[in-house]
Amino acid sequence: MVANNKSNGAIAASLGLKKSTVAYVAANARRVDGGGRTDNRGRPKLLSPRELRGLRRLVEENPFASLTEIAGKLIVGRTNPPAGPALCAVSPSTVRRAIKGLEMRSCTPAKKPLVSAVNQQKRFQWAKAHVGWIIQWASVLYSDGSSFLVRQPQSRRVWRQPGQRYATSNMRPTFKSGRESVMVWGAFSRVRRTPLLRVEGSMNGASYV
């Protein structure tokens, strides 16, 4: 629009921006050399672009590290650099804002069953060998068992009067393993699925068959 000699007011009206914003950007665009001017408004960032790149590598190499651990490693690198002058330490809040600026978030990790590298290769080879199966899948039965947690001990406190420590209503039941669970088993095929069966006792080869 600037190249087409549009006024700042016309540009602001067509883009829905403030005229002052358009005037600032258009002034750079109208420079004779065509180059933009560095935006020096506001307080300069405490971490340099080089440090931000190092921070990204640090987070990517330690994805499960806490914010305190990441900030500690960054501070060590700033205050005791292998070369160059030492810099001031940064606070964890500064590191948090810097990581957020890198478009990285602290999230709850997704959970999945662990598959070793050996089993990954075996599964891949099996899939390649059976990629042409069509009607053969009607003869396959998928089955699995799973343990569901019924209840577990809770760290709640209880209000009671003196002498009622061992009253039934004031005690919390415990279990040998610290938890109580139920094991169930089920299977499905191309035709139908089995009922959900409760496993009594331990699951061994005989009970599985």
Protein backbone atom coordinates (compact mmCIF):
# COMPACT_ATOMS: atom_id res chain seq x y z
CA MET A 1 0.00 0.00 0.00
CA VAL A 2 2.88 2.37 0.74
CA ALA A 3 4.40 1.53 -2.63
CA ASN A 4 1.07 2.50 -4.22
CA ASN A 5 1.23 5.90 -2.46
CA LYS A 6 -1.66 5.15 -0.11
CA SER A 7 -2.02 7.55 2.80
CA ASN A 8 -1.62 6.42 6.41
CA GLY A 9 -5.29 7.12 7.05
CA ALA A 10 -6.39 5.00 4.09
CA ILE A 11 -4.09 2.15 5.11
CA ALA A 12 -5.32 2.26 8.72
CA ALA A 13 -8.98 2.26 7.61
CA SER A 14 -8.52 -0.69 5.23
CA LEU A 15 -6.55 -2.82 7.70
CA GLY A 16 -8.44 -1.86 10.83
CA LEU A 17 -5.32 -0.60 12.62
CA LYS A 18 -4.48 2.53 14.55
CA LYS A 19 -3.15 5.37 12.47
CA SER A 20 -0.15 5.76 14.80
CA THR A 21 0.78 2.11 14.26
CA VAL A 22 0.52 2.47 10.50
CA ALA A 23 2.56 5.69 10.61
CA TYR A 24 5.41 3.99 12.48
CA VAL A 25 5.62 1.02 10.08
CA ALA A 26 5.03 3.14 6.96
CA ALA A 27 7.89 5.45 7.93
CA ASN A 28 10.29 2.50 7.70
CA ALA A 29 8.77 1.39 4.40
CA ARG A 30 9.16 4.88 2.91
CA ARG A 31 12.87 5.06 3.63
CA VAL A 32 14.95 5.71 0.54
CA ASP A 33 17.09 2.61 1.05
CA GLY A 34 14.02 0.47 1.60
CA GLY A 35 15.46 -1.02 4.77
CA GLY A 36 13.59 -1.28 8.04
CA ARG A 37 14.68 0.47 11.18
CA THR A 38 15.49 -1.55 14.27
CA ASP A 39 12.72 -1.38 16.85
CA ASN A 40 14.43 -0.16 20.02
CA ARG A 41 11.26 0.58 21.97
CA GLY A 42 10.88 -0.89 25.44
CA ARG A 43 13.41 -2.46 27.78
CA PRO A 44 16.02 -4.64 26.04
CA LYS A 45 15.74 -8.39 26.61
CA LEU A 46 18.00 -9.83 29.29
CA LEU A 47 18.83 -12.96 27.26
CA SER A 48 20.62 -12.54 23.96
CA PRO A 49 19.57 -14.46 20.82
CA ARG A 50 22.59 -16.73 21.34
CA GLU A 51 21.49 -17.50 24.90
CA LEU A 52 17.95 -18.16 23.71
CA ARG A 53 19.25 -20.71 21.21
CA GLY A 54 21.25 -22.32 24.00
CA LEU A 55 18.16 -22.32 26.22
CA ARG A 56 16.17 -24.11 23.52
CA ARG A 57 18.85 -26.80 23.24
CA LEU A 58 18.95 -27.12 27.03
CA VAL A 59 15.19 -27.69 27.26
CA GLU A 60 15.13 -30.08 24.29
CA GLU A 61 17.97 -32.14 25.79
CA ASN A 62 16.32 -32.19 29.26
CA PRO A 63 12.56 -32.26 28.58
CA PHE A 64 11.69 -33.60 32.06
CA ALA A 65 13.87 -31.11 33.96
CA SER A 66 12.15 -28.68 36.30
CA LEU A 67 12.19 -24.94 35.78
CA THR A 68 14.58 -24.57 38.74
CA GLU A 69 17.02 -27.06 37.23
CA ILE A 70 16.94 -25.36 33.82
CA ALA A 71 17.39 -21.92 35.38
CA GLY A 72 20.29 -23.23 37.49
CA LYS A 73 22.15 -24.55 34.43
CA LEU A 74 21.53 -21.31 32.57
CA ILE A 75 22.79 -19.24 35.50
CA VAL A 76 25.98 -21.32 35.71
CA GLY A 77 26.63 -20.69 32.03
CA ARG A 78 26.10 -16.95 32.48
CA THR A 79 28.04 -16.40 35.68
CA ASN A 80 30.91 -18.81 34.87
CA PRO A 81 31.32 -18.70 31.09
CA PRO A 82 34.21 -20.64 29.52
CA ALA A 83 35.11 -17.49 27.58
CA GLY A 84 34.06 -13.87 27.71
CA PRO A 85 32.84 -11.69 30.57
CA ALA A 86 30.57 -13.01 33.28
CA LEU A 87 26.94 -11.88 33.22
CA CYS A 88 24.39 -11.40 35.96
CA ALA A 89 22.14 -14.24 37.10
CA VAL A 90 18.56 -14.50 35.89
CA SER A 91 15.48 -15.41 37.89
CA PRO A 92 13.31 -18.48 37.20
CA SER A 93 10.46 -16.16 36.16
CA THR A 94 12.71 -14.68 33.45
CA VAL A 95 13.57 -18.19 32.26
CA ARG A 96 9.88 -19.12 32.25
CA ARG A 97 9.02 -16.14 30.07
CA ALA A 98 11.93 -16.91 27.75
CA ILE A 99 10.82 -20.54 27.34
CA LYS A 100 7.27 -19.37 26.70
CA GLY A 101 8.63 -17.03 24.04
CA LEU A 102 10.23 -20.07 22.39
CA GLU A 103 6.69 -21.52 22.07
CA MET A 104 7.45 -24.33 24.51
CA ARG A 105 5.00 -25.25 27.28
CA SER A 106 5.17 -27.34 30.42
CA CYS A 107 2.53 -30.08 29.97
CA THR A 108 1.54 -33.37 31.52
CA PRO A 109 3.38 -36.11 29.58
CA ALA A 110 1.30 -38.56 27.59
CA LYS A 111 1.45 -42.14 28.81
CA LYS A 112 1.92 -45.25 26.69
CA PRO A 113 3.17 -48.79 27.27
CA LEU A 114 6.93 -49.07 26.97
CA VAL A 115 8.07 -50.90 23.82
CA SER A 116 11.78 -51.69 23.66
CA ALA A 117 13.83 -51.10 20.53
CA VAL A 118 14.04 -54.87 19.95
CA ASN A 119 10.26 -55.30 20.11
CA GLN A 120 9.75 -52.26 17.91
CA GLN A 121 11.86 -53.89 15.21
CA LYS A 122 10.07 -57.23 15.62
CA ARG A 123 6.66 -55.57 15.30
CA PHE A 124 7.76 -53.64 12.24
CA GLN A 125 9.04 -56.80 10.53
CA TRP A 126 5.83 -58.66 11.41
CA ALA A 127 3.72 -55.83 9.96
CA LYS A 128 5.73 -55.86 6.73
CA ALA A 129 5.32 -59.63 6.41
CA HIS A 130 1.53 -59.45 6.88
CA VAL A 131 0.79 -56.23 4.99
CA GLY A 132 -1.10 -58.21 2.33
CA TRP A 133 -3.54 -59.85 4.74
CA ILE A 134 -7.25 -59.24 4.06
CA ILE A 135 -9.51 -62.20 4.78
CA GLN A 136 -6.89 -63.71 7.10
CA TRP A 137 -7.75 -61.14 9.77
CA ALA A 138 -11.06 -63.00 10.34
CA SER A 139 -9.03 -65.75 12.01
CA VAL A 140 -7.21 -63.45 14.42
CA LEU A 141 -8.32 -62.85 18.02
CA TYR A 142 -7.01 -59.83 19.89
CA SER A 143 -6.94 -60.24 23.66
CA ASP A 144 -5.53 -58.35 26.61
CA GLY A 145 -5.86 -58.01 30.35
CA SER A 146 -5.87 -54.82 32.37
CA SER A 147 -5.73 -53.85 36.02
CA PHE A 148 -8.14 -51.17 37.28
CA LEU A 149 -7.52 -49.36 40.55
CA VAL A 150 -10.55 -49.60 42.83
CA ARG A 151 -9.29 -47.50 45.71
CA GLN A 152 -6.01 -46.38 47.15
CA PRO A 153 -4.93 -44.87 50.46
CA GLN A 154 -5.53 -41.15 50.77
CA SER A 155 -3.48 -38.75 52.86
CA ARG A 156 -6.48 -37.08 54.50
CA ARG A 157 -6.60 -36.05 58.13
CA VAL A 158 -9.44 -36.94 60.47
CA TRP A 159 -11.21 -34.88 63.13
CA ARG A 160 -11.68 -36.90 66.35
CA GLN A 161 -11.85 -36.55 70.08
CA PRO A 162 -9.20 -37.81 72.53
CA GLY A 163 -9.42 -41.57 73.09
CA GLN A 164 -11.07 -42.28 69.70
CA ARG A 165 -7.92 -42.93 67.70
CA TYR A 166 -8.78 -46.57 67.04
CA ALA A 167 -12.51 -46.09 66.53
CA THR A 168 -13.62 -47.80 63.30
CA SER A 169 -15.01 -44.58 61.87
CA ASN A 170 -11.70 -42.81 62.42
CA MET A 171 -9.36 -45.37 60.83
CA ARG A 172 -8.28 -45.61 57.20
CA PRO A 173 -8.04 -49.16 55.80
CA THR A 174 -4.72 -50.23 54.29
CA PHE A 175 -3.78 -52.94 51.81
CA LYS A 176 -0.66 -55.07 51.42
CA SER A 177 0.48 -53.32 48.26
CA GLY A 178 -0.92 -49.96 49.29
CA ARG A 179 -3.67 -50.24 46.66
CA GLU A 180 -6.63 -52.42 45.74
CA SER A 181 -7.23 -53.31 42.10
CA VAL A 182 -9.30 -55.63 39.92
CA MET A 183 -7.85 -57.57 36.96
CA VAL A 184 -10.12 -58.06 33.94
CA TRP A 185 -9.65 -59.77 30.56
CA GLY A 186 -11.35 -59.39 27.22
CA ALA A 187 -10.89 -60.16 23.53
CA PHE A 188 -12.35 -59.21 20.17
CA SER A 189 -12.15 -60.39 16.59
CA ARG A 190 -13.55 -59.36 13.23
CA VAL A 191 -16.78 -61.17 14.11
CA ARG A 192 -17.55 -60.31 17.73
CA ARG A 193 -16.12 -59.58 21.15
CA THR A 194 -16.03 -61.60 24.37
CA PRO A 195 -17.62 -60.59 27.67
CA LEU A 196 -15.40 -58.69 30.10
CA LEU A 197 -14.19 -61.36 32.53
CA ARG A 198 -12.79 -60.81 36.00
CA VAL A 199 -9.54 -62.64 36.66
CA GLU A 200 -9.52 -64.41 40.01
CA GLY A 201 -6.03 -64.90 41.39
CA SER A 202 -2.91 -64.57 39.27
CA MET A 203 -2.91 -64.69 35.47
CA ASN A 204 -0.77 -67.60 34.28
CA GLY A 205 -0.47 -69.55 31.06
CA ALA A 206 -3.18 -72.08 31.95
CA SER A 207 -5.74 -69.49 32.98
CA TYR A 208 -4.97 -67.41 29.91
CA VAL A 209 -5.66 -70.36 27.57
